[in-house]
Amino acid sequence: MAPELFDVVAACPTHPDLEDPPDLAGVRDRALLLVGFYAALRRRELTALTLAQISTHRRGPVLALSHSKTNQTGTQAEPVELPAPATPSAAPSPR
């Protein structure tokens, strides 16, 4: 559920403070959790995702999944639209 997801995302370290460099593992974890949840991806689809499969659209990011449970042959990429954030650095609000 979304409230529990936001608690987990908030627990991922990103910036200890503004003077330190960002914790890239924490930023990666936040991105994987949010993309996986909002795109309803399975583990295999999420781990196979590459930057080349991500494009932008005026309504938000779009993933082009080459293989999925419903597209097992991979003959045509299946587009998955993600919701656009309010701002480029928008973080989900806890509950």
PDB file of N, CA and C in Angstrom:
ATOM      1  N   MET A   1       0.837  -1.176   0.000  1.00  0.00           N
ATOM      2  CA  MET A   1       0.000   0.000   0.000  1.00  0.00           C
ATOM      3  C   MET A   1       0.884   1.242   0.000  1.00  0.00           C
ATOM      4  N   ALA A   2       0.344   2.306  -0.508  1.00  0.00           N
ATOM      5  CA  ALA A   2       1.120   3.532  -0.676  1.00  0.00           C
ATOM      6  C   ALA A   2       1.679   4.095   0.634  1.00  0.00           C
ATOM      7  N   PRO A   3       0.924   4.169   1.748  1.00  0.00           N
ATOM      8  CA  PRO A   3       1.520   4.723   2.974  1.00  0.00           C
ATOM      9  C   PRO A   3       2.751   3.950   3.447  1.00  0.00           C
ATOM     10  N   GLU A   4       2.694   2.632   3.371  1.00  0.00           N
ATOM     11  CA  GLU A   4       3.857   1.825   3.772  1.00  0.00           C
ATOM     12  C   GLU A   4       5.018   2.030   2.810  1.00  0.00           C
ATOM     13  N   LEU A   5       4.706   2.153   1.519  1.00  0.00           N
ATOM     14  CA  LEU A   5       5.759   2.405   0.529  1.00  0.00           C
ATOM     15  C   LEU A   5       6.461   3.721   0.835  1.00  0.00           C
ATOM     16  N   PHE A   6       5.696   4.760   1.152  1.00  0.00           N
ATOM     17  CA  PHE A   6       6.293   6.060   1.435  1.00  0.00           C
ATOM     18  C   PHE A   6       7.166   6.012   2.687  1.00  0.00           C
ATOM     19  N   ASP A   7       6.796   5.198   3.665  1.00  0.00           N
ATOM     20  CA  ASP A   7       7.636   5.031   4.852  1.00  0.00           C
ATOM     21  C   ASP A   7       8.964   4.382   4.484  1.00  0.00           C
ATOM     22  N   VAL A   8       8.926   3.364   3.634  1.00  0.00           N
ATOM     23  CA  VAL A   8      10.153   2.688   3.207  1.00  0.00           C
ATOM     24  C   VAL A   8      11.012   3.626   2.370  1.00  0.00           C
ATOM     25  N   VAL A   9      10.391   4.365   1.460  1.00  0.00           N
ATOM     26  CA  VAL A   9      11.134   5.309   0.614  1.00  0.00           C
ATOM     27  C   VAL A   9      11.771   6.399   1.459  1.00  0.00           C
ATOM     28  N   ALA A  10      11.051   6.885   2.455  1.00  0.00           N
ATOM     29  CA  ALA A  10      11.599   7.927   3.334  1.00  0.00           C
ATOM     30  C   ALA A  10      12.782   7.409   4.143  1.00  0.00           C
ATOM     31  N   ALA A  11      12.836   6.103   4.388  1.00  0.00           N
ATOM     32  CA  ALA A  11      13.941   5.528   5.157  1.00  0.00           C
ATOM     33  C   ALA A  11      15.206   5.331   4.312  1.00  0.00           C
ATOM     34  N   CYS A  12      15.096   5.425   3.002  1.00  0.00           N
ATOM     35  CA  CYS A  12      16.277   5.286   2.143  1.00  0.00           C
ATOM     36  C   CYS A  12      17.137   6.539   2.265  1.00  0.00           C
ATOM     37  N   PRO A  13      18.416   6.374   2.593  1.00  0.00           N
ATOM     38  CA  PRO A  13      19.274   7.554   2.737  1.00  0.00           C
ATOM     39  C   PRO A  13      19.541   8.198   1.378  1.00  0.00           C
ATOM     40  N   THR A  14      19.422   9.513   1.321  1.00  0.00           N
ATOM     41  CA  THR A  14      19.732  10.214   0.070  1.00  0.00           C
ATOM     42  C   THR A  14      20.764  11.309   0.300  1.00  0.00           C
ATOM     43  N   HIS A  15      20.477  12.234   1.197  1.00  0.00           N
ATOM     44  CA  HIS A  15      21.407  13.325   1.508  1.00  0.00           C
ATOM     45  C   HIS A  15      21.576  13.398   3.015  1.00  0.00           C
ATOM     46  N   PRO A  16      22.721  12.972   3.541  1.00  0.00           N
ATOM     47  CA  PRO A  16      22.928  13.124   4.988  1.00  0.00           C
ATOM     48  C   PRO A  16      22.767  14.583   5.403  1.00  0.00           C
ATOM     49  N   ASP A  17      23.357  15.477   4.650  1.00  0.00           N
ATOM     50  CA  ASP A  17      23.125  16.912   4.769  1.00  0.00           C
ATOM     51  C   ASP A  17      23.585  17.537   3.462  1.00  0.00           C
ATOM     52  N   LEU A  18      23.353  18.794   3.276  1.00  0.00           N
ATOM     53  CA  LEU A  18      23.620  19.428   1.988  1.00  0.00           C
ATOM     54  C   LEU A  18      25.108  19.527   1.651  1.00  0.00           C
ATOM     55  N   GLU A  19      25.989  19.383   2.624  1.00  0.00           N
ATOM     56  CA  GLU A  19      27.415  19.511   2.351  1.00  0.00           C
ATOM     57  C   GLU A  19      28.030  18.199   1.874  1.00  0.00           C
ATOM     58  N   ASP A  20      27.412  17.071   2.165  1.00  0.00           N
ATOM     59  CA  ASP A  20      27.926  15.774   1.742  1.00  0.00           C
ATOM     60  C   ASP A  20      27.370  15.410   0.369  1.00  0.00           C
ATOM     61  N   PRO A  21      28.106  14.592  -0.379  1.00  0.00           N
ATOM     62  CA  PRO A  21      27.567  14.137  -1.661  1.00  0.00           C
ATOM     63  C   PRO A  21      26.379  13.203  -1.420  1.00  0.00           C
ATOM     64  N   PRO A  22      25.494  13.084  -2.404  1.00  0.00           N
ATOM     65  CA  PRO A  22      24.323  12.222  -2.208  1.00  0.00           C
ATOM     66  C   PRO A  22      24.722  10.756  -2.068  1.00  0.00           C
ATOM     67  N   ASP A  23      23.935  10.014  -1.335  1.00  0.00           N
ATOM     68  CA  ASP A  23      24.114   8.576  -1.194  1.00  0.00           C
ATOM     69  C   ASP A  23      23.460   7.928  -2.412  1.00  0.00           C
ATOM     70  N   LEU A  24      24.277   7.571  -3.407  1.00  0.00           N
ATOM     71  CA  LEU A  24      23.735   7.074  -4.666  1.00  0.00           C
ATOM     72  C   LEU A  24      22.985   5.758  -4.513  1.00  0.00           C
ATOM     73  N   ALA A  25      23.381   4.912  -3.588  1.00  0.00           N
ATOM     74  CA  ALA A  25      22.654   3.667  -3.361  1.00  0.00           C
ATOM     75  C   ALA A  25      21.251   3.967  -2.837  1.00  0.00           C
ATOM     76  N   GLY A  26      21.121   4.958  -1.973  1.00  0.00           N
ATOM     77  CA  GLY A  26      19.811   5.343  -1.463  1.00  0.00           C
ATOM     78  C   GLY A  26      18.927   5.939  -2.546  1.00  0.00           C
ATOM     79  N   VAL A  27      19.526   6.762  -3.398  1.00  0.00           N
ATOM     80  CA  VAL A  27      18.783   7.347  -4.513  1.00  0.00           C
ATOM     81  C   VAL A  27      18.324   6.243  -5.467  1.00  0.00           C
ATOM     82  N   ARG A  28      19.206   5.281  -5.748  1.00  0.00           N
ATOM     83  CA  ARG A  28      18.852   4.150  -6.609  1.00  0.00           C
ATOM     84  C   ARG A  28      17.717   3.341  -6.007  1.00  0.00           C
ATOM     85  N   ASP A  29      17.804   3.063  -4.707  1.00  0.00           N
ATOM     86  CA  ASP A  29      16.774   2.278  -4.041  1.00  0.00           C
ATOM     87  C   ASP A  29      15.418   2.973  -4.087  1.00  0.00           C
ATOM     88  N   ARG A  30      15.410   4.287  -3.866  1.00  0.00           N
ATOM     89  CA  ARG A  30      14.162   5.052  -3.942  1.00  0.00           C
ATOM     90  C   ARG A  30      13.563   4.959  -5.338  1.00  0.00           C
ATOM     91  N   ALA A  31      14.406   5.130  -6.353  1.00  0.00           N
ATOM     92  CA  ALA A  31      13.920   5.073  -7.735  1.00  0.00           C
ATOM     93  C   ALA A  31      13.356   3.699  -8.064  1.00  0.00           C
ATOM     94  N   LEU A  32      14.055   2.639  -7.681  1.00  0.00           N
ATOM     95  CA  LEU A  32      13.572   1.286  -7.965  1.00  0.00           C
ATOM     96  C   LEU A  32      12.250   0.995  -7.260  1.00  0.00           C
ATOM     97  N   LEU A  33      12.144   1.401  -6.004  1.00  0.00           N
ATOM     98  CA  LEU A  33      10.903   1.181  -5.271  1.00  0.00           C
ATOM     99  C   LEU A  33       9.725   1.918  -5.902  1.00  0.00           C
ATOM    100  N   LEU A  34       9.934   3.182  -6.242  1.00  0.00           N
ATOM    101  CA  LEU A  34       8.839   3.976  -6.796  1.00  0.00           C
ATOM    102  C   LEU A  34       8.460   3.539  -8.207  1.00  0.00           C
ATOM    103  N   VAL A  35       9.445   3.292  -9.054  1.00  0.00           N
ATOM    104  CA  VAL A  35       9.145   2.841 -10.423  1.00  0.00           C
ATOM    105  C   VAL A  35       8.476   1.476 -10.383  1.00  0.00           C
ATOM    106  N   GLY A  36       8.994   0.582  -9.581  1.00  0.00           N
ATOM    107  CA  GLY A  36       8.404  -0.743  -9.477  1.00  0.00           C
ATOM    108  C   GLY A  36       6.967  -0.705  -8.991  1.00  0.00           C
ATOM    109  N   PHE A  37       6.681   0.156  -8.027  1.00  0.00           N
ATOM    110  CA  PHE A  37       5.321   0.254  -7.484  1.00  0.00           C
ATOM    111  C   PHE A  37       4.368   0.891  -8.496  1.00  0.00           C
ATOM    112  N   TYR A  38       4.730   2.067  -9.020  1.00  0.00           N
ATOM    113  CA  TYR A  38       3.813   2.791  -9.894  1.00  0.00           C
ATOM    114  C   TYR A  38       3.632   2.135 -11.256  1.00  0.00           C
ATOM    115  N   ALA A  39       4.620   1.402 -11.733  1.00  0.00           N
ATOM    116  CA  ALA A  39       4.485   0.699 -13.010  1.00  0.00           C
ATOM    117  C   ALA A  39       3.970  -0.724 -12.814  1.00  0.00           C
ATOM    118  N   ALA A  40       3.809  -1.147 -11.565  1.00  0.00           N
ATOM    119  CA  ALA A  40       3.344  -2.501 -11.236  1.00  0.00           C
ATOM    120  C   ALA A  40       4.231  -3.551 -11.901  1.00  0.00           C
ATOM    121  N   LEU A  41       5.548  -3.362 -11.771  1.00  0.00           N
ATOM    122  CA  LEU A  41       6.503  -4.276 -12.397  1.00  0.00           C
ATOM    123  C   LEU A  41       6.783  -5.468 -11.493  1.00  0.00           C
ATOM    124  N   ARG A  42       7.023  -6.578 -12.107  1.00  0.00           N
ATOM    125  CA  ARG A  42       7.488  -7.754 -11.389  1.00  0.00           C
ATOM    126  C   ARG A  42       8.998  -7.626 -11.211  1.00  0.00           C
ATOM    127  N   ARG A  43       9.559  -8.440 -10.329  1.00  0.00           N
ATOM    128  CA  ARG A  43      11.011  -8.342 -10.065  1.00  0.00           C
ATOM    129  C   ARG A  43      11.830  -8.490 -11.340  1.00  0.00           C
ATOM    130  N   ARG A  44      11.468  -9.446 -12.157  1.00  0.00           N
ATOM    131  CA  ARG A  44      12.233  -9.692 -13.389  1.00  0.00           C
ATOM    132  C   ARG A  44      12.165  -8.485 -14.334  1.00  0.00           C
ATOM    133  N   GLU A  45      11.003  -7.868 -14.452  1.00  0.00           N
ATOM    134  CA  GLU A  45      10.847  -6.697 -15.319  1.00  0.00           C
ATOM    135  C   GLU A  45      11.639  -5.517 -14.774  1.00  0.00           C
ATOM    136  N   LEU A  46      11.632  -5.358 -13.468  1.00  0.00           N
ATOM    137  CA  LEU A  46      12.352  -4.246 -12.848  1.00  0.00           C
ATOM    138  C   LEU A  46      13.861  -4.410 -12.983  1.00  0.00           C
ATOM    139  N   THR A  47      14.372  -5.624 -12.782  1.00  0.00           N
ATOM    140  CA  THR A  47      15.814  -5.827 -12.877  1.00  0.00           C
ATOM    141  C   THR A  47      16.309  -5.787 -14.318  1.00  0.00           C
ATOM    142  N   ALA A  48      15.441  -6.040 -15.285  1.00  0.00           N
ATOM    143  CA  ALA A  48      15.839  -6.006 -16.694  1.00  0.00           C
ATOM    144  C   ALA A  48      15.719  -4.615 -17.297  1.00  0.00           C
ATOM    145  N   LEU A  49      15.168  -3.669 -16.573  1.00  0.00           N
ATOM    146  CA  LEU A  49      14.951  -2.315 -17.080  1.00  0.00           C
ATOM    147  C   LEU A  49      16.282  -1.597 -17.309  1.00  0.00           C
ATOM    148  N   THR A  50      16.412  -0.953 -18.462  1.00  0.00           N
ATOM    149  CA  THR A  50      17.613  -0.173 -18.778  1.00  0.00           C
ATOM    150  C   THR A  50      17.218   1.273 -19.063  1.00  0.00           C
ATOM    151  N   LEU A  51      18.194   2.163 -19.047  1.00  0.00           N
ATOM    152  CA  LEU A  51      17.921   3.569 -19.334  1.00  0.00           C
ATOM    153  C   LEU A  51      17.401   3.761 -20.755  1.00  0.00           C
ATOM    154  N   ALA A  52      17.816   2.905 -21.686  1.00  0.00           N
ATOM    155  CA  ALA A  52      17.362   3.021 -23.076  1.00  0.00           C
ATOM    156  C   ALA A  52      15.855   2.779 -23.199  1.00  0.00           C
ATOM    157  N   GLN A  53      15.252   2.120 -22.222  1.00  0.00           N
ATOM    158  CA  GLN A  53      13.822   1.824 -22.263  1.00  0.00           C
ATOM    159  C   GLN A  53      12.972   2.939 -21.663  1.00  0.00           C
ATOM    160  N   ILE A  54      13.594   3.981 -21.162  1.00  0.00           N
ATOM    161  CA  ILE A  54      12.871   5.070 -20.519  1.00  0.00           C
ATOM    162  C   ILE A  54      12.877   6.278 -21.436  1.00  0.00           C
ATOM    163  N   SER A  55      11.698   6.813 -21.696  1.00  0.00           N
ATOM    164  CA  SER A  55      11.589   8.034 -22.500  1.00  0.00           C
ATOM    165  C   SER A  55      10.648   8.995 -21.783  1.00  0.00           C
ATOM    166  N   THR A  56      10.634  10.220 -22.246  1.00  0.00           N
ATOM    167  CA  THR A  56       9.762  11.212 -21.624  1.00  0.00           C
ATOM    168  C   THR A  56       8.605  11.534 -22.554  1.00  0.00           C
ATOM    169  N   HIS A  57       7.519  11.880 -21.947  1.00  0.00           N
ATOM    170  CA  HIS A  57       6.311  12.272 -22.653  1.00  0.00           C
ATOM    171  C   HIS A  57       5.788  13.493 -21.927  1.00  0.00           C
ATOM    172  N   ARG A  58       4.949  14.260 -22.555  1.00  0.00           N
ATOM    173  CA  ARG A  58       4.456  15.487 -21.898  1.00  0.00           C
ATOM    174  C   ARG A  58       3.679  15.194 -20.618  1.00  0.00           C
ATOM    175  N   ARG A  59       3.139  13.979 -20.499  1.00  0.00           N
ATOM    176  CA  ARG A  59       2.376  13.610 -19.304  1.00  0.00           C
ATOM    177  C   ARG A  59       3.206  12.856 -18.278  1.00  0.00           C
ATOM    178  N   GLY A  60       4.473  12.567 -18.569  1.00  0.00           N
ATOM    179  CA  GLY A  60       5.322  11.880 -17.609  1.00  0.00           C
ATOM    180  C   GLY A  60       6.214  10.856 -18.281  1.00  0.00           C
ATOM    181  N   PRO A  61       7.044  10.178 -17.512  1.00  0.00           N
ATOM    182  CA  PRO A  61       7.948   9.177 -18.072  1.00  0.00           C
ATOM    183  C   PRO A  61       7.188   7.962 -18.619  1.00  0.00           C
ATOM    184  N   VAL A  62       7.766   7.340 -19.649  1.00  0.00           N
ATOM    185  CA  VAL A  62       7.180   6.146 -20.252  1.00  0.00           C
ATOM    186  C   VAL A  62       8.253   5.070 -20.319  1.00  0.00           C
ATOM    187  N   LEU A  63       7.914   3.866 -19.877  1.00  0.00           N
ATOM    188  CA  LEU A  63       8.802   2.720 -19.968  1.00  0.00           C
ATOM    189  C   LEU A  63       8.371   1.876 -21.162  1.00  0.00           C
ATOM    190  N   ALA A  64       9.330   1.400 -21.932  1.00  0.00           N
ATOM    191  CA  ALA A  64       9.042   0.497 -23.053  1.00  0.00           C
ATOM    192  C   ALA A  64       9.533  -0.890 -22.657  1.00  0.00           C
ATOM    193  N   LEU A  65       8.633  -1.717 -22.154  1.00  0.00           N
ATOM    194  CA  LEU A  65       9.004  -3.060 -21.702  1.00  0.00           C
ATOM    195  C   LEU A  65       9.036  -4.009 -22.888  1.00  0.00           C
ATOM    196  N   SER A  66      10.188  -4.613 -23.124  1.00  0.00           N
ATOM    197  CA  SER A  66      10.308  -5.531 -24.256  1.00  0.00           C
ATOM    198  C   SER A  66       9.709  -6.892 -23.938  1.00  0.00           C
ATOM    199  N   HIS A  67       9.808  -7.328 -22.694  1.00  0.00           N
ATOM    200  CA  HIS A  67       9.216  -8.602 -22.275  1.00  0.00           C
ATOM    201  C   HIS A  67       8.483  -8.393 -20.955  1.00  0.00           C
ATOM    202  N   SER A  68       7.341  -9.009 -20.836  1.00  0.00           N
ATOM    203  CA  SER A  68       6.585  -8.974 -19.588  1.00  0.00           C
ATOM    204  C   SER A  68       5.735 -10.231 -19.527  1.00  0.00           C
ATOM    205  N   LYS A  69       4.994 -10.378 -18.442  1.00  0.00           N
ATOM    206  CA  LYS A  69       4.150 -11.562 -18.320  1.00  0.00           C
ATOM    207  C   LYS A  69       3.087 -11.600 -19.418  1.00  0.00           C
ATOM    208  N   THR A  70       2.575 -10.431 -19.793  1.00  0.00           N
ATOM    209  CA  THR A  70       1.561 -10.372 -20.841  1.00  0.00           C
ATOM    210  C   THR A  70       2.158 -10.257 -22.242  1.00  0.00           C
ATOM    211  N   ASN A  71       3.460 -10.022 -22.344  1.00  0.00           N
ATOM    212  CA  ASN A  71       4.146  -9.893 -23.633  1.00  0.00           C
ATOM    213  C   ASN A  71       5.381 -10.784 -23.598  1.00  0.00           C
ATOM    214  N   GLN A  72       5.186 -12.082 -23.585  1.00  0.00           N
ATOM    215  CA  GLN A  72       6.291 -13.012 -23.407  1.00  0.00           C
ATOM    216  C   GLN A  72       7.146 -13.173 -24.650  1.00  0.00           C
ATOM    217  N   THR A  73       6.598 -12.929 -25.827  1.00  0.00           N
ATOM    218  CA  THR A  73       7.389 -13.084 -27.052  1.00  0.00           C
ATOM    219  C   THR A  73       8.287 -11.881 -27.297  1.00  0.00           C
ATOM    220  N   GLY A  74       7.889 -10.720 -26.833  1.00  0.00           N
ATOM    221  CA  GLY A  74       8.703  -9.529 -27.010  1.00  0.00           C
ATOM    222  C   GLY A  74       8.723  -9.013 -28.438  1.00  0.00           C
ATOM    223  N   THR A  75       7.692  -9.324 -29.215  1.00  0.00           N
ATOM    224  CA  THR A  75       7.672  -8.873 -30.605  1.00  0.00           C
ATOM    225  C   THR A  75       7.470  -7.372 -30.713  1.00  0.00           C
ATOM    226  N   GLN A  76       6.777  -6.777 -29.749  1.00  0.00           N
ATOM    227  CA  GLN A  76       6.564  -5.338 -29.756  1.00  0.00           C
ATOM    228  C   GLN A  76       6.656  -4.830 -28.326  1.00  0.00           C
ATOM    229  N   ALA A  77       7.352  -3.715 -28.139  1.00  0.00           N
ATOM    230  CA  ALA A  77       7.511  -3.159 -26.793  1.00  0.00           C
ATOM    231  C   ALA A  77       6.164  -2.691 -26.255  1.00  0.00           C
ATOM    232  N   GLU A  78       5.950  -2.937 -24.979  1.00  0.00           N
ATOM    233  CA  GLU A  78       4.709  -2.554 -24.309  1.00  0.00           C
ATOM    234  C   GLU A  78       4.966  -1.264 -23.527  1.00  0.00           C
ATOM    235  N   PRO A  79       4.286  -0.152 -23.874  1.00  0.00           N
ATOM    236  CA  PRO A  79       4.517   1.096 -23.146  1.00  0.00           C
ATOM    237  C   PRO A  79       3.802   1.105 -21.797  1.00  0.00           C
ATOM    238  N   VAL A  80       4.496   1.601 -20.787  1.00  0.00           N
ATOM    239  CA  VAL A  80       3.933   1.745 -19.445  1.00  0.00           C
ATOM    240  C   VAL A  80       4.159   3.191 -19.036  1.00  0.00           C
ATOM    241  N   GLU A  81       3.079   3.912 -18.797  1.00  0.00           N
ATOM    242  CA  GLU A  81       3.173   5.324 -18.434  1.00  0.00           C
ATOM    243  C   GLU A  81       3.225   5.466 -16.922  1.00  0.00           C
ATOM    244  N   LEU A  82       4.189   6.253 -16.449  1.00  0.00           N
ATOM    245  CA  LEU A  82       4.320   6.538 -15.018  1.00  0.00           C
ATOM    246  C   LEU A  82       3.736   7.909 -14.732  1.00  0.00           C
ATOM    247  N   PRO A  83       3.226   8.141 -13.536  1.00  0.00           N
ATOM    248  CA  PRO A  83       2.704   9.470 -13.212  1.00  0.00           C
ATOM    249  C   PRO A  83       3.842  10.485 -13.134  1.00  0.00           C
ATOM    250  N   ALA A  84       3.563  11.677 -13.618  1.00  0.00           N
ATOM    251  CA  ALA A  84       4.559  12.747 -13.587  1.00  0.00           C
ATOM    252  C   ALA A  84       4.618  13.352 -12.194  1.00  0.00           C
ATOM    253  N   PRO A  85       5.827  13.612 -11.677  1.00  0.00           N
ATOM    254  CA  PRO A  85       5.931  14.266 -10.368  1.00  0.00           C
ATOM    255  C   PRO A  85       5.525  15.730 -10.479  1.00  0.00           C
ATOM    256  N   ALA A  86       5.131  16.335  -9.363  1.00  0.00           N
ATOM    257  CA  ALA A  86       4.738  17.728  -9.350  1.00  0.00           C
ATOM    258  C   ALA A  86       5.916  18.624  -9.717  1.00  0.00           C
ATOM    259  N   THR A  87       7.098  18.271  -9.230  1.00  0.00           N
ATOM    260  CA  THR A  87       8.333  18.978  -9.577  1.00  0.00           C
ATOM    261  C   THR A  87       9.390  17.912  -9.854  1.00  0.00           C
ATOM    262  N   PRO A  88      10.471  18.245 -10.562  1.00  0.00           N
ATOM    263  CA  PRO A  88      11.475  17.234 -10.854  1.00  0.00           C
ATOM    264  C   PRO A  88      12.050  16.551  -9.625  1.00  0.00           C
ATOM    265  N   SER A  89      12.102  17.214  -8.493  1.00  0.00           N
ATOM    266  CA  SER A  89      12.673  16.609  -7.291  1.00  0.00           C
ATOM    267  C   SER A  89      11.606  16.301  -6.253  1.00  0.00           C
ATOM    268  N   ALA A  90      10.360  16.171  -6.692  1.00  0.00           N
ATOM    269  CA  ALA A  90       9.269  15.935  -5.738  1.00  0.00           C
ATOM    270  C   ALA A  90       9.436  14.604  -5.043  1.00  0.00           C
ATOM    271  N   ALA A  91       9.331  14.628  -3.765  1.00  0.00           N
ATOM    272  CA  ALA A  91       9.398  13.395  -2.966  1.00  0.00           C
ATOM    273  C   ALA A  91       7.991  13.085  -2.489  1.00  0.00           C
ATOM    274  N   PRO A  92       7.664  11.818  -2.376  1.00  0.00           N
ATOM    275  CA  PRO A  92       6.329  11.484  -1.903  1.00  0.00           C
ATOM    276  C   PRO A  92       6.116  11.970  -0.472  1.00  0.00           C
ATOM    277  N   SER A  93       4.922  12.437  -0.217  1.00  0.00           N
ATOM    278  CA  SER A  93       4.630  12.922   1.128  1.00  0.00           C
ATOM    279  C   SER A  93       4.162  11.764   1.988  1.00  0.00           C
ATOM    280  N   PRO A  94       4.703  11.638   3.181  1.00  0.00           N
ATOM    281  CA  PRO A  94       4.267  10.571   4.058  1.00  0.00           C
ATOM    282  C   PRO A  94       2.824  10.795   4.490  1.00  0.00           C
ATOM    283  N   ARG A  95       2.038   9.754   4.390  1.00  0.00           N
ATOM    284  CA  ARG A  95       0.617   9.758   4.760  1.00  0.00           C
ATOM    285  C   ARG A  95       0.069  11.102   4.691  1.00  0.00           C
TER     286      ARG A  95
END
